Amino acid sequence: MLAFITTQTRSWNGSNIDAIVDADLRLGWQATEALSLSLVGRNLLHSAEQAFIAEAWESASAIERSFYLNATYKW
């Protein structure tokens, strides 16, 4: 599954968050009827992006590119 994510430019209290286009990818394999494996990559088009401005902190928060493996076993 490939998903493209788009956002619009947003502003809050004088700070701006730029519009972005990014992508997430999930590659999955049903190894057996009970076992499924997948590799997931998030925010693949940018190494880090400003996602929101938190009220509790003066600086903006960034979400970095990430990868993970997932295994699900059903019995």
Protein backbone atom coordinates (compact mmCIF):
# COMPACT_ATOMS: atom_id res chain seq x y z
CA MET A 1 0.00 0.00 0.00
CA LEU A 2 1.31 3.43 -0.94
CA ALA A 3 -0.28 6.53 0.56
CA PHE A 4 0.43 10.14 -0.36
CA ILE A 5 -0.25 12.78 2.27
CA THR A 6 -0.75 16.47 1.51
CA THR A 7 -1.26 19.39 3.85
CA GLN A 8 -1.93 23.08 3.38
CA THR A 9 0.09 25.93 4.85
CA ARG A 10 -1.10 26.54 8.41
CA SER A 11 -0.36 29.32 10.87
CA TRP A 12 -0.83 29.74 14.60
CA ASN A 13 0.27 32.60 16.87
CA GLY A 14 2.47 34.07 14.14
CA SER A 15 4.24 30.80 13.29
CA ASN A 16 3.76 29.06 9.95
CA ILE A 17 3.88 25.41 8.96
CA ASP A 18 4.58 24.98 5.26
CA ALA A 19 2.43 22.84 2.99
CA ILE A 20 3.93 19.42 2.22
CA VAL A 21 3.47 16.31 0.13
CA ASP A 22 4.79 13.11 1.67
CA ALA A 23 4.41 9.35 1.30
CA ASP A 24 4.04 6.27 3.49
CA LEU A 25 4.63 2.74 2.18
CA ARG A 26 3.65 -0.67 3.58
CA LEU A 27 4.85 -3.93 2.05
CA GLY A 28 3.10 -6.95 3.54
CA TRP A 29 3.38 -10.72 3.14
CA GLN A 30 0.98 -13.37 4.42
CA ALA A 31 3.57 -16.05 5.24
CA THR A 32 1.03 -18.57 6.52
CA GLU A 33 -2.64 -18.45 7.40
CA ALA A 34 -1.62 -17.46 10.94
CA LEU A 35 1.50 -15.32 10.31
CA SER A 36 1.77 -12.03 8.46
CA LEU A 37 4.88 -9.85 8.11
CA SER A 38 5.21 -6.27 6.91
CA LEU A 39 7.79 -3.54 6.42
CA VAL A 40 6.54 0.04 6.86
CA GLY A 41 8.21 3.33 5.93
CA ARG A 42 6.72 6.67 7.00
CA ASN A 43 7.49 10.22 5.82
CA LEU A 44 9.62 8.87 2.96
CA LEU A 45 9.94 12.06 0.91
CA HIS A 46 11.48 14.20 3.68
CA SER A 47 14.03 13.40 6.40
CA ALA A 48 12.01 15.48 8.88
CA GLU A 49 9.03 17.78 8.63
CA GLN A 50 7.35 20.24 10.93
CA ALA A 51 3.99 18.70 11.77
CA PHE A 52 2.49 20.94 14.42
CA ILE A 53 3.18 23.74 16.87
CA ALA A 54 2.65 22.65 20.47
CA GLU A 55 1.26 25.20 22.92
CA ALA A 56 3.38 23.85 25.77
CA TRP A 57 6.72 24.44 23.99
CA GLU A 58 8.09 27.50 22.27
CA SER A 59 9.63 25.49 19.43
CA ALA A 60 7.84 23.57 16.70
CA SER A 61 7.68 19.77 16.69
CA ALA A 62 9.12 17.74 13.83
CA ILE A 63 8.31 14.21 12.73
CA GLU A 64 11.24 12.28 11.27
CA ARG A 65 11.36 9.57 8.60
CA SER A 66 10.91 6.14 10.19
CA PHE A 67 10.91 2.44 9.31
CA TYR A 68 9.65 -0.55 11.24
CA LEU A 69 8.94 -4.26 10.89
CA ASN A 70 5.65 -5.77 11.99
CA ALA A 71 4.82 -9.41 12.67
CA THR A 72 1.32 -10.63 13.54
CA TYR A 73 0.56 -14.19 14.61
CA LYS A 74 -3.06 -15.29 15.07
CA TRP A 75 -3.97 -18.53 16.82
